[in-house]
Amino acid sequence: MQPDLKSEADTASKERLRLWLRFLKASSTIEATLRENLRQEFATTLPRFDVMAALSRYDEGLKMSQLSEVLRVSNGNVTGIVDRLSNDGFLVRVPVPGDRRASLVRLTKRGQEEFQKQAGAHEIWVNDMLSAFSPDAARDITRRLEQLEASLQKEKV
């Protein structure tokens, strides 16, 4: 008897759709928890945290266009956040030598200190939310998700 290939394909398709919905639900739940924790503990937002996290990796700072690229958002989305973080004393804009129109954005000492507090709490929150996974399981899932991401990037090209 020949296996029903259409039925197998339909089953595979449905299982992958369920997987995607689980990814989405888990991601949304984690993100909502992080947003709420940042709001309650630090009176800040996830986008502000993301900007500070990106800048924490670049001591010399980033141009606004580079920052937008790192965060994968538009310049317009970043500008308001940078303005508010700057007004709060967490960021500074520094002119780029040889380019009058450009400036680098980088964390101030106060911004670095604040980000370290937030990043420490963020790590604890994520650890708590994902504590059902052993380190080996977390590594395995990470590896599989990296494979998925690489596969999706190949399809884009």
C-alpha atoms as a PDB file:
ATOM      1  CA  MET A   1       0.000   0.000   0.000  1.00  0.00           C
ATOM      2  CA  GLN A   2       1.351   3.442  -1.042  1.00  0.00           C
ATOM      3  CA  PRO A   3       1.535   6.023   1.792  1.00  0.00           C
ATOM      4  CA  ASP A   4      -0.763   8.968   1.317  1.00  0.00           C
ATOM      5  CA  LEU A   5       1.801  11.678   0.428  1.00  0.00           C
ATOM      6  CA  LYS A   6      -0.775  14.472   0.402  1.00  0.00           C
ATOM      7  CA  SER A   7      -1.931  13.536   3.883  1.00  0.00           C
ATOM      8  CA  GLU A   8       1.679  13.458   5.156  1.00  0.00           C
ATOM      9  CA  ALA A   9       2.357  16.857   3.585  1.00  0.00           C
ATOM     10  CA  ASP A  10      -0.812  18.267   5.140  1.00  0.00           C
ATOM     11  CA  THR A  11       0.172  16.893   8.551  1.00  0.00           C
ATOM     12  CA  ALA A  12       3.673  18.353   8.247  1.00  0.00           C
ATOM     13  CA  SER A  13       2.233  21.701   7.201  1.00  0.00           C
ATOM     14  CA  LYS A  14      -0.196  21.762  10.130  1.00  0.00           C
ATOM     15  CA  GLU A  15       2.542  20.817  12.624  1.00  0.00           C
ATOM     16  CA  ARG A  16       4.799  23.590  11.317  1.00  0.00           C
ATOM     17  CA  LEU A  17       1.944  26.065  11.580  1.00  0.00           C
ATOM     18  CA  ARG A  18       1.382  24.975  15.205  1.00  0.00           C
ATOM     19  CA  LEU A  19       5.117  25.382  15.837  1.00  0.00           C
ATOM     20  CA  TRP A  20       5.041  28.920  14.439  1.00  0.00           C
ATOM     21  CA  LEU A  21       2.041  29.800  16.619  1.00  0.00           C
ATOM     22  CA  ARG A  22       3.859  28.437  19.700  1.00  0.00           C
ATOM     23  CA  PHE A  23       6.954  30.497  18.825  1.00  0.00           C
ATOM     24  CA  LEU A  24       4.789  33.572  18.475  1.00  0.00           C
ATOM     25  CA  LYS A  25       2.861  32.985  21.698  1.00  0.00           C
ATOM     26  CA  ALA A  26       6.009  32.291  23.734  1.00  0.00           C
ATOM     27  CA  SER A  27       7.810  35.297  22.269  1.00  0.00           C
ATOM     28  CA  SER A  28       4.844  37.585  22.891  1.00  0.00           C
ATOM     29  CA  THR A  29       4.492  36.379  26.478  1.00  0.00           C
ATOM     30  CA  ILE A  30       8.194  36.882  27.222  1.00  0.00           C
ATOM     31  CA  GLU A  31       8.208  40.312  25.579  1.00  0.00           C
ATOM     32  CA  ALA A  32       5.103  41.445  27.483  1.00  0.00           C
ATOM     33  CA  THR A  33       6.659  40.332  30.779  1.00  0.00           C
ATOM     34  CA  LEU A  34       9.916  42.143  30.008  1.00  0.00           C
ATOM     35  CA  ARG A  35       8.028  45.308  29.050  1.00  0.00           C
ATOM     36  CA  GLU A  36       6.051  45.243  32.280  1.00  0.00           C
ATOM     37  CA  ASN A  37       9.106  44.510  34.428  1.00  0.00           C
ATOM     38  CA  LEU A  38      11.096  47.337  32.831  1.00  0.00           C
ATOM     39  CA  ARG A  39       8.170  49.701  33.336  1.00  0.00           C
ATOM     40  CA  GLN A  40       7.656  48.739  36.968  1.00  0.00           C
ATOM     41  CA  GLU A  41      11.267  48.430  38.093  1.00  0.00           C
ATOM     42  CA  PHE A  42      12.983  51.110  36.026  1.00  0.00           C
ATOM     43  CA  ALA A  43      10.165  53.337  34.708  1.00  0.00           C
ATOM     44  CA  THR A  44      11.439  52.678  31.208  1.00  0.00           C
ATOM     45  CA  THR A  45      10.392  50.934  28.006  1.00  0.00           C
ATOM     46  CA  LEU A  46      11.705  47.988  26.026  1.00  0.00           C
ATOM     47  CA  PRO A  47      12.681  50.231  23.064  1.00  0.00           C
ATOM     48  CA  ARG A  48      14.743  52.446  25.406  1.00  0.00           C
ATOM     49  CA  PHE A  49      16.383  49.324  26.841  1.00  0.00           C
ATOM     50  CA  ASP A  50      17.098  48.048  23.316  1.00  0.00           C
ATOM     51  CA  VAL A  51      18.775  51.328  22.303  1.00  0.00           C
ATOM     52  CA  MET A  52      20.934  51.310  25.417  1.00  0.00           C
ATOM     53  CA  ALA A  53      21.777  47.622  24.875  1.00  0.00           C
ATOM     54  CA  ALA A  54      22.881  48.312  21.305  1.00  0.00           C
ATOM     55  CA  LEU A  55      25.010  51.279  22.337  1.00  0.00           C
ATOM     56  CA  SER A  56      26.552  49.328  25.224  1.00  0.00           C
ATOM     57  CA  ARG A  57      28.355  47.196  22.636  1.00  0.00           C
ATOM     58  CA  TYR A  58      29.954  50.201  20.890  1.00  0.00           C
ATOM     59  CA  ASP A  59      32.146  52.310  23.189  1.00  0.00           C
ATOM     60  CA  GLU A  60      32.851  54.833  20.424  1.00  0.00           C
ATOM     61  CA  GLY A  61      29.150  55.157  19.685  1.00  0.00           C
ATOM     62  CA  LEU A  62      27.128  54.757  16.525  1.00  0.00           C
ATOM     63  CA  LYS A  63      25.740  57.083  13.900  1.00  0.00           C
ATOM     64  CA  MET A  64      21.959  57.187  13.963  1.00  0.00           C
ATOM     65  CA  SER A  65      21.811  55.226  10.700  1.00  0.00           C
ATOM     66  CA  GLN A  66      24.069  52.538  12.176  1.00  0.00           C
ATOM     67  CA  LEU A  67      21.979  52.388  15.329  1.00  0.00           C
ATOM     68  CA  SER A  68      18.819  51.971  13.244  1.00  0.00           C
ATOM     69  CA  GLU A  69      20.514  49.192  11.289  1.00  0.00           C
ATOM     70  CA  VAL A  70      21.640  47.371  14.438  1.00  0.00           C
ATOM     71  CA  LEU A  71      18.106  47.605  15.862  1.00  0.00           C
ATOM     72  CA  ARG A  72      16.470  46.852  12.485  1.00  0.00           C
ATOM     73  CA  VAL A  73      14.124  49.827  12.744  1.00  0.00           C
ATOM     74  CA  SER A  74      13.765  53.111  10.865  1.00  0.00           C
ATOM     75  CA  ASN A  75      15.740  56.243  11.746  1.00  0.00           C
ATOM     76  CA  GLY A  76      12.473  57.917  12.683  1.00  0.00           C
ATOM     77  CA  ASN A  77      11.728  55.261  15.301  1.00  0.00           C
ATOM     78  CA  VAL A  78      15.127  55.734  16.927  1.00  0.00           C
ATOM     79  CA  THR A  79      15.269  59.534  16.910  1.00  0.00           C
ATOM     80  CA  GLY A  80      12.610  60.116  19.563  1.00  0.00           C
ATOM     81  CA  ILE A  81      14.028  57.448  21.835  1.00  0.00           C
ATOM     82  CA  VAL A  82      17.543  58.873  21.487  1.00  0.00           C
ATOM     83  CA  ASP A  83      16.224  62.383  22.203  1.00  0.00           C
ATOM     84  CA  ARG A  84      14.517  61.240  25.412  1.00  0.00           C
ATOM     85  CA  LEU A  85      17.510  59.186  26.589  1.00  0.00           C
ATOM     86  CA  SER A  86      19.743  62.171  25.861  1.00  0.00           C
ATOM     87  CA  ASN A  87      17.453  64.504  27.813  1.00  0.00           C
ATOM     88  CA  ASP A  88      17.606  62.043  30.720  1.00  0.00           C
ATOM     89  CA  GLY A  89      21.415  62.173  30.665  1.00  0.00           C
ATOM     90  CA  PHE A  90      21.910  58.585  29.517  1.00  0.00           C
ATOM     91  CA  LEU A  91      23.214  59.399  26.016  1.00  0.00           C
ATOM     92  CA  VAL A  92      25.341  62.049  24.410  1.00  0.00           C
ATOM     93  CA  ARG A  93      25.677  63.100  20.788  1.00  0.00           C
ATOM     94  CA  VAL A  94      29.240  63.698  19.598  1.00  0.00           C
ATOM     95  CA  PRO A  95      30.098  65.330  16.245  1.00  0.00           C
ATOM     96  CA  VAL A  96      31.758  63.074  13.668  1.00  0.00           C
ATOM     97  CA  PRO A  97      35.085  64.564  12.575  1.00  0.00           C
ATOM     98  CA  GLY A  98      34.935  65.479   8.892  1.00  0.00           C
ATOM     99  CA  ASP A  99      31.149  65.112   8.618  1.00  0.00           C
ATOM    100  CA  ARG A 100      29.289  68.212   9.816  1.00  0.00           C
ATOM    101  CA  ARG A 101      25.891  66.584   9.367  1.00  0.00           C
ATOM    102  CA  ALA A 102      26.579  63.409  11.328  1.00  0.00           C
ATOM    103  CA  SER A 103      26.962  62.711  15.006  1.00  0.00           C
ATOM    104  CA  LEU A 104      27.726  59.645  17.034  1.00  0.00           C
ATOM    105  CA  VAL A 105      25.411  58.612  19.819  1.00  0.00           C
ATOM    106  CA  ARG A 106      26.938  56.900  22.826  1.00  0.00           C
ATOM    107  CA  LEU A 107      26.138  56.103  26.417  1.00  0.00           C
ATOM    108  CA  THR A 108      27.277  58.505  29.103  1.00  0.00           C
ATOM    109  CA  LYS A 109      28.834  57.154  32.295  1.00  0.00           C
ATOM    110  CA  ARG A 110      25.423  57.540  33.911  1.00  0.00           C
ATOM    111  CA  GLY A 111      23.865  55.692  30.962  1.00  0.00           C
ATOM    112  CA  GLN A 112      26.374  52.857  31.266  1.00  0.00           C
ATOM    113  CA  GLU A 113      25.655  52.514  34.977  1.00  0.00           C
ATOM    114  CA  GLU A 114      21.890  52.560  34.447  1.00  0.00           C
ATOM    115  CA  PHE A 115      22.115  50.053  31.616  1.00  0.00           C
ATOM    116  CA  GLN A 116      24.188  47.688  33.770  1.00  0.00           C
ATOM    117  CA  LYS A 117      21.431  47.724  36.407  1.00  0.00           C
ATOM    118  CA  GLN A 118      18.737  47.122  33.802  1.00  0.00           C
ATOM    119  CA  ALA A 119      20.741  44.431  31.982  1.00  0.00           C
ATOM    120  CA  GLY A 120      21.353  42.563  35.244  1.00  0.00           C
ATOM    121  CA  ALA A 121      17.650  42.555  36.055  1.00  0.00           C
ATOM    122  CA  HIS A 122      16.787  41.625  32.445  1.00  0.00           C
ATOM    123  CA  GLU A 123      19.095  38.599  32.616  1.00  0.00           C
ATOM    124  CA  ILE A 124      17.476  37.443  35.867  1.00  0.00           C
ATOM    125  CA  TRP A 125      13.977  37.829  34.402  1.00  0.00           C
ATOM    126  CA  VAL A 126      14.851  35.868  31.266  1.00  0.00           C
ATOM    127  CA  ASN A 127      16.610  33.199  33.317  1.00  0.00           C
ATOM    128  CA  ASP A 128      13.536  32.840  35.515  1.00  0.00           C
ATOM    129  CA  MET A 129      11.158  32.624  32.554  1.00  0.00           C
ATOM    130  CA  LEU A 130      13.265  29.984  30.796  1.00  0.00           C
ATOM    131  CA  SER A 131      14.304  28.032  33.894  1.00  0.00           C
ATOM    132  CA  ALA A 132      12.354  24.968  32.720  1.00  0.00           C
ATOM    133  CA  PHE A 133      15.169  24.396  30.189  1.00  0.00           C
ATOM    134  CA  SER A 134      18.471  22.882  31.262  1.00  0.00           C
ATOM    135  CA  PRO A 135      21.616  24.578  29.930  1.00  0.00           C
ATOM    136  CA  ASP A 136      22.013  21.707  27.434  1.00  0.00           C
ATOM    137  CA  ALA A 137      18.420  22.031  26.260  1.00  0.00           C
ATOM    138  CA  ALA A 138      18.812  25.811  25.942  1.00  0.00           C
ATOM    139  CA  ARG A 139      21.982  25.316  23.846  1.00  0.00           C
ATOM    140  CA  ASP A 140      20.212  22.770  21.642  1.00  0.00           C
ATOM    141  CA  ILE A 141      17.188  24.999  21.064  1.00  0.00           C
ATOM    142  CA  THR A 142      19.494  27.960  20.379  1.00  0.00           C
ATOM    143  CA  ARG A 143      21.440  25.902  17.832  1.00  0.00           C
ATOM    144  CA  ARG A 144      18.237  24.810  16.105  1.00  0.00           C
ATOM    145  CA  LEU A 145      16.899  28.364  16.002  1.00  0.00           C
ATOM    146  CA  GLU A 146      20.215  29.552  14.538  1.00  0.00           C
ATOM    147  CA  GLN A 147      19.841  26.886  11.840  1.00  0.00           C
ATOM    148  CA  LEU A 148      16.317  28.104  11.172  1.00  0.00           C
ATOM    149  CA  GLU A 149      17.493  31.704  10.947  1.00  0.00           C
ATOM    150  CA  ALA A 150      20.315  30.766   8.552  1.00  0.00           C
ATOM    151  CA  SER A 151      17.858  28.812   6.418  1.00  0.00           C
ATOM    152  CA  LEU A 152      15.450  31.752   6.310  1.00  0.00           C
ATOM    153  CA  GLN A 153      18.280  34.139   5.380  1.00  0.00           C
ATOM    154  CA  LYS A 154      19.324  31.883   2.485  1.00  0.00           C
ATOM    155  CA  GLU A 155      15.763  31.968   1.163  1.00  0.00           C
ATOM    156  CA  LYS A 156      15.835  35.794   1.159  1.00  0.00           C
ATOM    157  CA  VAL A 157      18.896  35.928  -1.096  1.00  0.00           C
END
